[in-house]
Amino acid sequence: MRRAGLLLMAAAAALSPAGFANAPDGASAAPAAGTIMIKDFAFSPATLTVSRGARVTWMNVDGEPHTVASTSGAFRSGALDQQETFSFEFDEPGTYRYVCTIHPHMSGTITVR
């Protein structure tokens, strides 16, 4: 249990909105926009607003596998086991609704500005 907590803190720190990654050519990459935790059969936060070009990462901390799939087909993960992640970069403004295809009652929304 303690190890899982440490992994979550490390993932959150690595994906902090304040941090920028340096691209190999010296240009800065887009900042990480955030992490959505998959826990207790829910996405948390269930809604997130990000800037165009932002990367969002979902991390499964449940003991059950889950997926992340856009209802419009824009993105789709495979089954994520515990501690696995899926990331997607949002290049186009809009509203992106998504579900877990294994547990369709689980849903969330990303708004890109």
PDB file of N, CA and C in Angstrom:
ATOM      1  N   MET A   1       0.823  -1.181   0.000  1.00  0.00           N
ATOM      2  CA  MET A   1       0.000   0.000   0.000  1.00  0.00           C
ATOM      3  C   MET A   1       0.875   1.255   0.000  1.00  0.00           C
ATOM      4  N   ARG A   2       1.907   1.258   0.824  1.00  0.00           N
ATOM      5  CA  ARG A   2       2.786   2.425   0.883  1.00  0.00           C
ATOM      6  C   ARG A   2       3.506   2.629  -0.452  1.00  0.00           C
ATOM      7  N   ARG A   3       3.924   1.517  -1.084  1.00  0.00           N
ATOM      8  CA  ARG A   3       4.607   1.601  -2.375  1.00  0.00           C
ATOM      9  C   ARG A   3       3.698   2.238  -3.425  1.00  0.00           C
ATOM     10  N   ALA A   4       2.424   1.851  -3.419  1.00  0.00           N
ATOM     11  CA  ALA A   4       1.469   2.428  -4.375  1.00  0.00           C
ATOM     12  C   ALA A   4       1.343   3.927  -4.166  1.00  0.00           C
ATOM     13  N   GLY A   5       1.313   4.363  -2.908  1.00  0.00           N
ATOM     14  CA  GLY A   5       1.231   5.790  -2.623  1.00  0.00           C
ATOM     15  C   GLY A   5       2.452   6.540  -3.115  1.00  0.00           C
ATOM     16  N   LEU A   6       3.628   5.942  -2.927  1.00  0.00           N
ATOM     17  CA  LEU A   6       4.856   6.577  -3.405  1.00  0.00           C
ATOM     18  C   LEU A   6       4.866   6.665  -4.923  1.00  0.00           C
ATOM     19  N   LEU A   7       4.383   5.621  -5.592  1.00  0.00           N
ATOM     20  CA  LEU A   7       4.315   5.645  -7.056  1.00  0.00           C
ATOM     21  C   LEU A   7       3.372   6.744  -7.532  1.00  0.00           C
ATOM     22  N   LEU A   8       2.250   6.922  -6.854  1.00  0.00           N
ATOM     23  CA  LEU A   8       1.305   7.967  -7.230  1.00  0.00           C
ATOM     24  C   LEU A   8       1.909   9.348  -7.056  1.00  0.00           C
ATOM     25  N   MET A   9       2.629   9.548  -5.945  1.00  0.00           N
ATOM     26  CA  MET A   9       3.250  10.852  -5.721  1.00  0.00           C
ATOM     27  C   MET A   9       4.315  11.121  -6.778  1.00  0.00           C
ATOM     28  N   ALA A  10       5.079  10.107  -7.142  1.00  0.00           N
ATOM     29  CA  ALA A  10       6.108  10.278  -8.159  1.00  0.00           C
ATOM     30  C   ALA A  10       5.488  10.600  -9.514  1.00  0.00           C
ATOM     31  N   ALA A  11       4.389   9.906  -9.849  1.00  0.00           N
ATOM     32  CA  ALA A  11       3.713  10.172 -11.121  1.00  0.00           C
ATOM     33  C   ALA A  11       3.148  11.582 -11.143  1.00  0.00           C
ATOM     34  N   ALA A  12       2.551  12.001 -10.049  1.00  0.00           N
ATOM     35  CA  ALA A  12       1.983  13.349  -9.983  1.00  0.00           C
ATOM     36  C   ALA A  12       3.064  14.406 -10.104  1.00  0.00           C
ATOM     37  N   ALA A  13       4.205  14.192  -9.460  1.00  0.00           N
ATOM     38  CA  ALA A  13       5.297  15.160  -9.543  1.00  0.00           C
ATOM     39  C   ALA A  13       5.861  15.227 -10.956  1.00  0.00           C
ATOM     40  N   ALA A  14       5.963  14.082 -11.603  1.00  0.00           N
ATOM     41  CA  ALA A  14       6.511  14.053 -12.960  1.00  0.00           C
ATOM     42  C   ALA A  14       5.584  14.742 -13.952  1.00  0.00           C
ATOM     43  N   LEU A  15       4.293  14.749 -13.655  1.00  0.00           N
ATOM     44  CA  LEU A  15       3.322  15.321 -14.571  1.00  0.00           C
ATOM     45  C   LEU A  15       2.817  16.678 -14.115  1.00  0.00           C
ATOM     46  N   SER A  16       3.544  17.321 -13.239  1.00  0.00           N
ATOM     47  CA  SER A  16       3.139  18.625 -12.704  1.00  0.00           C
ATOM     48  C   SER A  16       2.993  19.642 -13.821  1.00  0.00           C
ATOM     49  N   PRO A  17       1.897  20.429 -13.816  1.00  0.00           N
ATOM     50  CA  PRO A  17       1.706  21.443 -14.849  1.00  0.00           C
ATOM     51  C   PRO A  17       2.821  22.473 -14.880  1.00  0.00           C
ATOM     52  N   ALA A  18       3.542  22.647 -13.789  1.00  0.00           N
ATOM     53  CA  ALA A  18       4.601  23.648 -13.754  1.00  0.00           C
ATOM     54  C   ALA A  18       5.868  23.164 -14.456  1.00  0.00           C
ATOM     55  N   GLY A  19       5.993  21.853 -14.662  1.00  0.00           N
ATOM     56  CA  GLY A  19       7.228  21.315 -15.232  1.00  0.00           C
ATOM     57  C   GLY A  19       7.210  21.289 -16.742  1.00  0.00           C
ATOM     58  N   PHE A  20       8.338  21.581 -17.355  1.00  0.00           N
ATOM     59  CA  PHE A  20       8.484  21.492 -18.799  1.00  0.00           C
ATOM     60  C   PHE A  20       9.581  20.485 -19.091  1.00  0.00           C
ATOM     61  N   ALA A  21       9.365  19.691 -20.120  1.00  0.00           N
ATOM     62  CA  ALA A  21      10.399  18.763 -20.550  1.00  0.00           C
ATOM     63  C   ALA A  21      11.208  19.428 -21.656  1.00  0.00           C
ATOM     64  N   ASN A  22      12.504  19.188 -21.657  1.00  0.00           N
ATOM     65  CA  ASN A  22      13.340  19.734 -22.716  1.00  0.00           C
ATOM     66  C   ASN A  22      13.377  18.769 -23.880  1.00  0.00           C
ATOM     67  N   ALA A  23      13.067  19.263 -25.049  1.00  0.00           N
ATOM     68  CA  ALA A  23      13.143  18.462 -26.264  1.00  0.00           C
ATOM     69  C   ALA A  23      14.609  18.299 -26.623  1.00  0.00           C
ATOM     70  N   PRO A  24      14.968  17.232 -27.371  1.00  0.00           N
ATOM     71  CA  PRO A  24      16.371  16.994 -27.708  1.00  0.00           C
ATOM     72  C   PRO A  24      17.051  18.161 -28.411  1.00  0.00           C
ATOM     73  N   ASP A  25      16.302  18.954 -29.199  1.00  0.00           N
ATOM     74  CA  ASP A  25      16.921  20.057 -29.928  1.00  0.00           C
ATOM     75  C   ASP A  25      17.036  21.322 -29.089  1.00  0.00           C
ATOM     76  N   GLY A  26      16.664  21.243 -27.802  1.00  0.00           N
ATOM     77  CA  GLY A  26      16.771  22.393 -26.927  1.00  0.00           C
ATOM     78  C   GLY A  26      15.487  23.188 -26.811  1.00  0.00           C
ATOM     79  N   ALA A  27      14.516  22.944 -27.708  1.00  0.00           N
ATOM     80  CA  ALA A  27      13.225  23.632 -27.603  1.00  0.00           C
ATOM     81  C   ALA A  27      12.433  22.995 -26.469  1.00  0.00           C
ATOM     82  N   SER A  28      11.574  23.764 -25.830  1.00  0.00           N
ATOM     83  CA  SER A  28      10.809  23.153 -24.755  1.00  0.00           C
ATOM     84  C   SER A  28       9.562  22.488 -25.291  1.00  0.00           C
ATOM     85  N   ALA A  29       9.259  21.342 -24.706  1.00  0.00           N
ATOM     86  CA  ALA A  29       8.063  20.606 -25.065  1.00  0.00           C
ATOM     87  C   ALA A  29       6.879  21.213 -24.322  1.00  0.00           C
ATOM     88  N   ALA A  30       5.677  20.798 -24.725  1.00  0.00           N
ATOM     89  CA  ALA A  30       4.471  21.292 -24.051  1.00  0.00           C
ATOM     90  C   ALA A  30       4.457  20.797 -22.610  1.00  0.00           C
ATOM     91  N   PRO A  31       3.920  21.603 -21.703  1.00  0.00           N
ATOM     92  CA  PRO A  31       3.852  21.162 -20.310  1.00  0.00           C
ATOM     93  C   PRO A  31       2.861  20.013 -20.154  1.00  0.00           C
ATOM     94  N   ALA A  32       3.120  19.165 -19.179  1.00  0.00           N
ATOM     95  CA  ALA A  32       2.165  18.107 -18.867  1.00  0.00           C
ATOM     96  C   ALA A  32       0.929  18.761 -18.271  1.00  0.00           C
ATOM     97  N   ALA A  33      -0.234  18.354 -18.734  1.00  0.00           N
ATOM     98  CA  ALA A  33      -1.466  19.016 -18.310  1.00  0.00           C
ATOM     99  C   ALA A  33      -2.060  18.402 -17.062  1.00  0.00           C
ATOM    100  N   GLY A  34      -1.894  17.128 -16.875  1.00  0.00           N
ATOM    101  CA  GLY A  34      -2.484  16.541 -15.688  1.00  0.00           C
ATOM    102  C   GLY A  34      -2.595  15.044 -15.755  1.00  0.00           C
ATOM    103  N   THR A  35      -2.976  14.528 -14.618  1.00  0.00           N
ATOM    104  CA  THR A  35      -3.159  13.094 -14.467  1.00  0.00           C
ATOM    105  C   THR A  35      -4.570  12.834 -13.991  1.00  0.00           C
ATOM    106  N   ILE A  36      -5.184  11.839 -14.576  1.00  0.00           N
ATOM    107  CA  ILE A  36      -6.497  11.391 -14.135  1.00  0.00           C
ATOM    108  C   ILE A  36      -6.302  10.010 -13.534  1.00  0.00           C
ATOM    109  N   MET A  37      -6.679   9.888 -12.272  1.00  0.00           N
ATOM    110  CA  MET A  37      -6.546   8.614 -11.585  1.00  0.00           C
ATOM    111  C   MET A  37      -7.799   7.779 -11.836  1.00  0.00           C
ATOM    112  N   ILE A  38      -7.590   6.491 -12.025  1.00  0.00           N
ATOM    113  CA  ILE A  38      -8.692   5.548 -12.154  1.00  0.00           C
ATOM    114  C   ILE A  38      -8.697   4.753 -10.852  1.00  0.00           C
ATOM    115  N   LYS A  39      -9.694   5.032 -10.018  1.00  0.00           N
ATOM    116  CA  LYS A  39      -9.731   4.429  -8.689  1.00  0.00           C
ATOM    117  C   LYS A  39     -11.176   4.261  -8.247  1.00  0.00           C
ATOM    118  N   ASP A  40     -11.448   3.152  -7.578  1.00  0.00           N
ATOM    119  CA  ASP A  40     -12.788   2.867  -7.072  1.00  0.00           C
ATOM    120  C   ASP A  40     -13.833   2.941  -8.191  1.00  0.00           C
ATOM    121  N   PHE A  41     -13.460   2.434  -9.363  1.00  0.00           N
ATOM    122  CA  PHE A  41     -14.347   2.386 -10.522  1.00  0.00           C
ATOM    123  C   PHE A  41     -14.853   3.772 -10.910  1.00  0.00           C
ATOM    124  N   ALA A  42     -13.929   4.752 -10.876  1.00  0.00           N
ATOM    125  CA  ALA A  42     -14.260   6.121 -11.279  1.00  0.00           C
ATOM    126  C   ALA A  42     -13.008   6.808 -11.806  1.00  0.00           C
ATOM    127  N   PHE A  43     -13.206   7.812 -12.672  1.00  0.00           N
ATOM    128  CA  PHE A  43     -12.121   8.674 -13.145  1.00  0.00           C
ATOM    129  C   PHE A  43     -12.088   9.902 -12.233  1.00  0.00           C
ATOM    130  N   SER A  44     -10.900  10.250 -11.745  1.00  0.00           N
ATOM    131  CA  SER A  44     -10.786  11.398 -10.839  1.00  0.00           C
ATOM    132  C   SER A  44      -9.605  12.278 -11.239  1.00  0.00           C
ATOM    133  N   PRO A  45      -9.857  13.527 -11.641  1.00  0.00           N
ATOM    134  CA  PRO A  45     -11.168  14.164 -11.706  1.00  0.00           C
ATOM    135  C   PRO A  45     -11.958  13.652 -12.911  1.00  0.00           C
ATOM    136  N   ALA A  46     -13.275  13.741 -12.806  1.00  0.00           N
ATOM    137  CA  ALA A  46     -14.150  13.284 -13.895  1.00  0.00           C
ATOM    138  C   ALA A  46     -14.186  14.285 -15.038  1.00  0.00           C
ATOM    139  N   THR A  47     -13.897  15.552 -14.748  1.00  0.00           N
ATOM    140  CA  THR A  47     -13.822  16.579 -15.790  1.00  0.00           C
ATOM    141  C   THR A  47     -12.504  17.321 -15.641  1.00  0.00           C
ATOM    142  N   LEU A  48     -11.927  17.683 -16.770  1.00  0.00           N
ATOM    143  CA  LEU A  48     -10.641  18.372 -16.784  1.00  0.00           C
ATOM    144  C   LEU A  48     -10.622  19.320 -17.971  1.00  0.00           C
ATOM    145  N   THR A  49     -10.130  20.533 -17.770  1.00  0.00           N
ATOM    146  CA  THR A  49      -9.966  21.501 -18.851  1.00  0.00           C
ATOM    147  C   THR A  49      -8.481  21.727 -19.057  1.00  0.00           C
ATOM    148  N   VAL A  50      -8.039  21.626 -20.317  1.00  0.00           N
ATOM    149  CA  VAL A  50      -6.624  21.783 -20.653  1.00  0.00           C
ATOM    150  C   VAL A  50      -6.477  22.702 -21.861  1.00  0.00           C
ATOM    151  N   SER A  51      -5.266  23.152 -22.086  1.00  0.00           N
ATOM    152  CA  SER A  51      -4.958  23.953 -23.269  1.00  0.00           C
ATOM    153  C   SER A  51      -4.648  23.046 -24.451  1.00  0.00           C
ATOM    154  N   ARG A  52      -4.865  23.563 -25.625  1.00  0.00           N
ATOM    155  CA  ARG A  52      -4.529  22.849 -26.859  1.00  0.00           C
ATOM    156  C   ARG A  52      -3.067  22.418 -26.818  1.00  0.00           C
ATOM    157  N   GLY A  53      -2.793  21.180 -27.208  1.00  0.00           N
ATOM    158  CA  GLY A  53      -1.444  20.633 -27.202  1.00  0.00           C
ATOM    159  C   GLY A  53      -1.052  19.954 -25.902  1.00  0.00           C
ATOM    160  N   ALA A  54      -1.931  19.972 -24.923  1.00  0.00           N
ATOM    161  CA  ALA A  54      -1.628  19.369 -23.621  1.00  0.00           C
ATOM    162  C   ALA A  54      -1.693  17.849 -23.690  1.00  0.00           C
ATOM    163  N   ARG A  55      -0.883  17.217 -22.869  1.00  0.00           N
ATOM    164  CA  ARG A  55      -0.879  15.758 -22.737  1.00  0.00           C
ATOM    165  C   ARG A  55      -1.556  15.408 -21.411  1.00  0.00           C
ATOM    166  N   VAL A  56      -2.525  14.503 -21.483  1.00  0.00           N
ATOM    167  CA  VAL A  56      -3.212  14.015 -20.293  1.00  0.00           C
ATOM    168  C   VAL A  56      -2.856  12.546 -20.125  1.00  0.00           C
ATOM    169  N   THR A  57      -2.601  12.150 -18.879  1.00  0.00           N
ATOM    170  CA  THR A  57      -2.260  10.767 -18.573  1.00  0.00           C
ATOM    171  C   THR A  57      -3.268  10.203 -17.587  1.00  0.00           C
ATOM    172  N   TRP A  58      -3.781   9.023 -17.893  1.00  0.00           N
ATOM    173  CA  TRP A  58      -4.663   8.290 -17.002  1.00  0.00           C
ATOM    174  C   TRP A  58      -3.838   7.196 -16.342  1.00  0.00           C
ATOM    175  N   MET A  59      -3.980   7.034 -15.039  1.00  0.00           N
ATOM    176  CA  MET A  59      -3.262   5.990 -14.300  1.00  0.00           C
ATOM    177  C   MET A  59      -4.264   5.125 -13.553  1.00  0.00           C
ATOM    178  N   ASN A  60      -4.211   3.817 -13.789  1.00  0.00           N
ATOM    179  CA  ASN A  60      -5.109   2.885 -13.117  1.00  0.00           C
ATOM    180  C   ASN A  60      -4.496   2.457 -11.784  1.00  0.00           C
ATOM    181  N   VAL A  61      -5.153   2.809 -10.694  1.00  0.00           N
ATOM    182  CA  VAL A  61      -4.703   2.365  -9.375  1.00  0.00           C
ATOM    183  C   VAL A  61      -5.686   1.367  -8.760  1.00  0.00           C
ATOM    184  N   ASP A  62      -6.682   0.961  -9.533  1.00  0.00           N
ATOM    185  CA  ASP A  62      -7.611  -0.082  -9.102  1.00  0.00           C
ATOM    186  C   ASP A  62      -6.962  -1.449  -9.280  1.00  0.00           C
ATOM    187  N   GLY A  63      -7.495  -2.420  -8.582  1.00  0.00           N
ATOM    188  CA  GLY A  63      -7.034  -3.796  -8.738  1.00  0.00           C
ATOM    189  C   GLY A  63      -7.654  -4.484  -9.940  1.00  0.00           C
ATOM    190  N   GLU A  64      -8.562  -3.803 -10.622  1.00  0.00           N
ATOM    191  CA  GLU A  64      -9.238  -4.339 -11.812  1.00  0.00           C
ATOM    192  C   GLU A  64      -8.746  -3.611 -13.054  1.00  0.00           C
ATOM    193  N   PRO A  65      -8.714  -4.272 -14.217  1.00  0.00           N
ATOM    194  CA  PRO A  65      -8.343  -3.572 -15.448  1.00  0.00           C
ATOM    195  C   PRO A  65      -9.424  -2.590 -15.878  1.00  0.00           C
ATOM    196  N   HIS A  66      -8.996  -1.514 -16.529  1.00  0.00           N
ATOM    197  CA  HIS A  66      -9.898  -0.495 -17.068  1.00  0.00           C
ATOM    198  C   HIS A  66      -9.353  -0.038 -18.414  1.00  0.00           C
ATOM    199  N   THR A  67     -10.201   0.620 -19.204  1.00  0.00           N
ATOM    200  CA  THR A  67      -9.778   1.232 -20.463  1.00  0.00           C
ATOM    201  C   THR A  67     -10.164   2.704 -20.440  1.00  0.00           C
ATOM    202  N   VAL A  68      -9.625   3.438 -21.391  1.00  0.00           N
ATOM    203  CA  VAL A  68      -9.979   4.840 -21.612  1.00  0.00           C
ATOM    204  C   VAL A  68     -10.285   4.953 -23.101  1.00  0.00           C
ATOM    205  N   ALA A  69     -11.536   5.235 -23.441  1.00  0.00           N
ATOM    206  CA  ALA A  69     -11.930   5.275 -24.847  1.00  0.00           C
ATOM    207  C   ALA A  69     -12.836   6.466 -25.116  1.00  0.00           C
ATOM    208  N   SER A  70     -12.417   7.309 -26.053  1.00  0.00           N
ATOM    209  CA  SER A  70     -13.217   8.458 -26.479  1.00  0.00           C
ATOM    210  C   SER A  70     -14.494   7.959 -27.130  1.00  0.00           C
ATOM    211  N   THR A  71     -15.615   8.587 -26.810  1.00  0.00           N
ATOM    212  CA  THR A  71     -16.882   8.188 -27.430  1.00  0.00           C
ATOM    213  C   THR A  71     -16.933   8.568 -28.912  1.00  0.00           C
ATOM    214  N   SER A  72     -16.043   9.480 -29.342  1.00  0.00           N
ATOM    215  CA  SER A  72     -15.994   9.877 -30.751  1.00  0.00           C
ATOM    216  C   SER A  72     -14.946   9.094 -31.537  1.00  0.00           C
ATOM    217  N   GLY A  73     -14.174   8.252 -30.850  1.00  0.00           N
ATOM    218  CA  GLY A  73     -13.135   7.478 -31.517  1.00  0.00           C
ATOM    219  C   GLY A  73     -11.794   8.196 -31.620  1.00  0.00           C
ATOM    220  N   ALA A  74     -11.630   9.342 -30.964  1.00  0.00           N
ATOM    221  CA  ALA A  74     -10.389  10.121 -31.057  1.00  0.00           C
ATOM    222  C   ALA A  74      -9.203   9.407 -30.409  1.00  0.00           C
ATOM    223  N   PHE A  75      -9.444   8.628 -29.356  1.00  0.00           N
ATOM    224  CA  PHE A  75      -8.373   7.887 -28.682  1.00  0.00           C
ATOM    225  C   PHE A  75      -8.957   6.666 -27.996  1.00  0.00           C
ATOM    226  N   ARG A  76      -8.100   5.680 -27.769  1.00  0.00           N
ATOM    227  CA  ARG A  76      -8.531   4.443 -27.115  1.00  0.00           C
ATOM    228  C   ARG A  76      -7.315   3.719 -26.566  1.00  0.00           C
ATOM    229  N   SER A  77      -7.361   3.390 -25.293  1.00  0.00           N
ATOM    230  CA  SER A  77      -6.286   2.610 -24.694  1.00  0.00           C
ATOM    231  C   SER A  77      -6.620   1.129 -24.794  1.00  0.00           C
ATOM    232  N   GLY A  78      -5.630   0.313 -24.553  1.00  0.00           N
ATOM    233  CA  GLY A  78      -5.885  -1.097 -24.313  1.00  0.00           C
ATOM    234  C   GLY A  78      -6.288  -1.241 -22.860  1.00  0.00           C
ATOM    235  N   ALA A  79      -6.458  -2.463 -22.404  1.00  0.00           N
ATOM    236  CA  ALA A  79      -6.775  -2.693 -20.995  1.00  0.00           C
ATOM    237  C   ALA A  79      -5.574  -2.288 -20.148  1.00  0.00           C
ATOM    238  N   LEU A  80      -5.822  -1.461 -19.143  1.00  0.00           N
ATOM    239  CA  LEU A  80      -4.773  -0.998 -18.242  1.00  0.00           C
ATOM    240  C   LEU A  80      -4.870  -1.773 -16.936  1.00  0.00           C
ATOM    241  N   ASP A  81      -3.827  -2.505 -16.610  1.00  0.00           N
ATOM    242  CA  ASP A  81      -3.776  -3.184 -15.327  1.00  0.00           C
ATOM    243  C   ASP A  81      -3.347  -2.191 -14.251  1.00  0.00           C
ATOM    244  N   GLN A  82      -3.336  -2.633 -13.012  1.00  0.00           N
ATOM    245  CA  GLN A  82      -2.969  -1.764 -11.898  1.00  0.00           C
ATOM    246  C   GLN A  82      -1.583  -1.169 -12.125  1.00  0.00           C
ATOM    247  N   GLN A  83      -1.468   0.140 -11.914  1.00  0.00           N
ATOM    248  CA  GLN A  83      -0.260   0.952 -12.056  1.00  0.00           C
ATOM    249  C   GLN A  83       0.142   1.225 -13.511  1.00  0.00           C
ATOM    250  N   GLU A  84      -0.653   0.804 -14.473  1.00  0.00           N
ATOM    251  CA  GLU A  84      -0.364   1.125 -15.867  1.00  0.00           C
ATOM    252  C   GLU A  84      -1.002   2.449 -16.244  1.00  0.00           C
ATOM    253  N   THR A  85      -0.415   3.105 -17.261  1.00  0.00           N
ATOM    254  CA  THR A  85      -0.889   4.417 -17.681  1.00  0.00           C
ATOM    255  C   THR A  85      -1.183   4.433 -19.180  1.00  0.00           C
ATOM    256  N   PHE A  86      -1.974   5.434 -19.559  1.00  0.00           N
ATOM    257  CA  PHE A  86      -2.250   5.736 -20.961  1.00  0.00           C
ATOM    258  C   PHE A  86      -2.215   7.251 -21.090  1.00  0.00           C
ATOM    259  N   SER A  87      -1.554   7.765 -22.132  1.00  0.00           N
ATOM    260  CA  SER A  87      -1.471   9.208 -22.356  1.00  0.00           C
ATOM    261  C   SER A  87      -1.969   9.552 -23.744  1.00  0.00           C
ATOM    262  N   PHE A  88      -2.510  10.771 -23.852  1.00  0.00           N
ATOM    263  CA  PHE A  88      -2.975  11.272 -25.134  1.00  0.00           C
ATOM    264  C   PHE A  88      -2.730  12.771 -25.177  1.00  0.00           C
ATOM    265  N   GLU A  89      -2.243  13.242 -26.334  1.00  0.00           N
ATOM    266  CA  GLU A  89      -2.012  14.673 -26.528  1.00  0.00           C
ATOM    267  C   GLU A  89      -3.187  15.260 -27.293  1.00  0.00           C
ATOM    268  N   PHE A  90      -3.794  16.296 -26.726  1.00  0.00           N
ATOM    269  CA  PHE A  90      -4.984  16.917 -27.299  1.00  0.00           C
ATOM    270  C   PHE A  90      -4.575  18.094 -28.175  1.00  0.00           C
ATOM    271  N   ASP A  91      -4.562  17.873 -29.491  1.00  0.00           N
ATOM    272  CA  ASP A  91      -4.124  18.889 -30.440  1.00  0.00           C
ATOM    273  C   ASP A  91      -5.254  19.794 -30.937  1.00  0.00           C
ATOM    274  N   GLU A  92      -6.491  19.347 -30.801  1.00  0.00           N
ATOM    275  CA  GLU A  92      -7.628  20.107 -31.326  1.00  0.00           C
ATOM    276  C   GLU A  92      -8.564  20.540 -30.205  1.00  0.00           C
ATOM    277  N   PRO A  93      -9.000  21.806 -30.226  1.00  0.00           N
ATOM    278  CA  PRO A  93      -9.971  22.260 -29.229  1.00  0.00           C
ATOM    279  C   PRO A  93     -11.283  21.486 -29.359  1.00  0.00           C
ATOM    280  N   GLY A  94     -11.980  21.362 -28.255  1.00  0.00           N
ATOM    281  CA  GLY A  94     -13.271  20.690 -28.273  1.00  0.00           C
ATOM    282  C   GLY A  94     -13.550  20.008 -26.948  1.00  0.00           C
ATOM    283  N   THR A  95     -14.644  19.271 -26.929  1.00  0.00           N
ATOM    284  CA  THR A  95     -15.045  18.507 -25.754  1.00  0.00           C
ATOM    285  C   THR A  95     -14.919  17.034 -26.092  1.00  0.00           C
ATOM    286  N   TYR A  96     -14.168  16.318 -25.277  1.00  0.00           N
ATOM    287  CA  TYR A  96     -13.895  14.901 -25.505  1.00  0.00           C
ATOM    288  C   TYR A  96     -14.503  14.105 -24.350  1.00  0.00           C
ATOM    289  N   ARG A  97     -15.538  13.347 -24.643  1.00  0.00           N
ATOM    290  CA  ARG A  97     -16.126  12.465 -23.639  1.00  0.00           C
ATOM    291  C   ARG A  97     -15.486  11.093 -23.785  1.00  0.00           C
ATOM    292  N   TYR A  98     -15.301  10.420 -22.643  1.00  0.00           N
ATOM    293  CA  TYR A  98     -14.675   9.098 -22.694  1.00  0.00           C
ATOM    294  C   TYR A  98     -15.298   8.182 -21.648  1.00  0.00           C
ATOM    295  N   VAL A  99     -15.120   6.886 -21.845  1.00  0.00           N
ATOM    296  CA  VAL A  99     -15.655   5.858 -20.952  1.00  0.00           C
ATOM    297  C   VAL A  99     -14.624   4.752 -20.782  1.00  0.00           C
ATOM    298  N   CYS A 100     -14.867   3.919 -19.787  1.00  0.00           N
ATOM    299  CA  CYS A 100     -14.168   2.636 -19.672  1.00  0.00           C
ATOM    300  C   CYS A 100     -15.044   1.632 -20.410  1.00  0.00           C
ATOM    301  N   THR A 101     -14.513   1.004 -21.440  1.00  0.00           N
ATOM    302  CA  THR A 101     -15.337   0.084 -22.232  1.00  0.00           C
ATOM    303  C   THR A 101     -15.644  -1.205 -21.467  1.00  0.00           C
ATOM    304  N   ILE A 102     -14.873  -1.506 -20.439  1.00  0.00           N
ATOM    305  CA  ILE A 102     -15.136  -2.690 -19.614  1.00  0.00           C
ATOM    306  C   ILE A 102     -16.260  -2.390 -18.622  1.00  0.00           C
ATOM    307  N   HIS A 103     -16.269  -1.146 -18.120  1.00  0.00           N
ATOM    308  CA  HIS A 103     -17.259  -0.706 -17.125  1.00  0.00           C
ATOM    309  C   HIS A 103     -17.889   0.597 -17.643  1.00  0.00           C
ATOM    310  N   PRO A 104     -18.853   0.521 -18.565  1.00  0.00           N
ATOM    311  CA  PRO A 104     -19.370   1.717 -19.244  1.00  0.00           C
ATOM    312  C   PRO A 104     -20.016   2.772 -18.335  1.00  0.00           C
ATOM    313  N   HIS A 105     -20.315   2.428 -17.085  1.00  0.00           N
ATOM    314  CA  HIS A 105     -20.847   3.445 -16.165  1.00  0.00           C
ATOM    315  C   HIS A 105     -19.758   4.438 -15.759  1.00  0.00           C
ATOM    316  N   MET A 106     -18.497   4.099 -16.017  1.00  0.00           N
ATOM    317  CA  MET A 106     -17.375   5.006 -15.719  1.00  0.00           C
ATOM    318  C   MET A 106     -17.211   5.953 -16.907  1.00  0.00           C
ATOM    319  N   SER A 107     -17.283   7.259 -16.652  1.00  0.00           N
ATOM    320  CA  SER A 107     -17.155   8.220 -17.752  1.00  0.00           C
ATOM    321  C   SER A 107     -16.468   9.492 -17.268  1.00  0.00           C
ATOM    322  N   GLY A 108     -15.980  10.253 -18.230  1.00  0.00           N
ATOM    323  CA  GLY A 108     -15.327  11.521 -17.934  1.00  0.00           C
ATOM    324  C   GLY A 108     -15.341  12.419 -19.145  1.00  0.00           C
ATOM    325  N   THR A 109     -14.887  13.661 -18.953  1.00  0.00           N
ATOM    326  CA  THR A 109     -14.873  14.662 -20.032  1.00  0.00           C
ATOM    327  C   THR A 109     -13.609  15.489 -19.948  1.00  0.00           C
ATOM    328  N   ILE A 110     -12.969  15.672 -21.107  1.00  0.00           N
ATOM    329  CA  ILE A 110     -11.830  16.584 -21.242  1.00  0.00           C
ATOM    330  C   ILE A 110     -12.297  17.725 -22.136  1.00  0.00           C
ATOM    331  N   THR A 111     -12.104  18.968 -21.681  1.00  0.00           N
ATOM    332  CA  THR A 111     -12.391  20.141 -22.497  1.00  0.00           C
ATOM    333  C   THR A 111     -11.064  20.760 -22.887  1.00  0.00           C
ATOM    334  N   VAL A 112     -10.872  20.942 -24.194  1.00  0.00           N
ATOM    335  CA  VAL A 112      -9.616  21.506 -24.723  1.00  0.00           C
ATOM    336  C   VAL A 112      -9.928  22.884 -25.276  1.00  0.00           C
ATOM    337  N   ARG A 113      -9.179  23.884 -24.796  1.00  0.00           N
ATOM    338  CA  ARG A 113      -9.379  25.272 -25.243  1.00  0.00           C
ATOM    339  C   ARG A 113      -8.238  25.738 -26.100  1.00  0.00           C
TER     340      ARG A 113
END
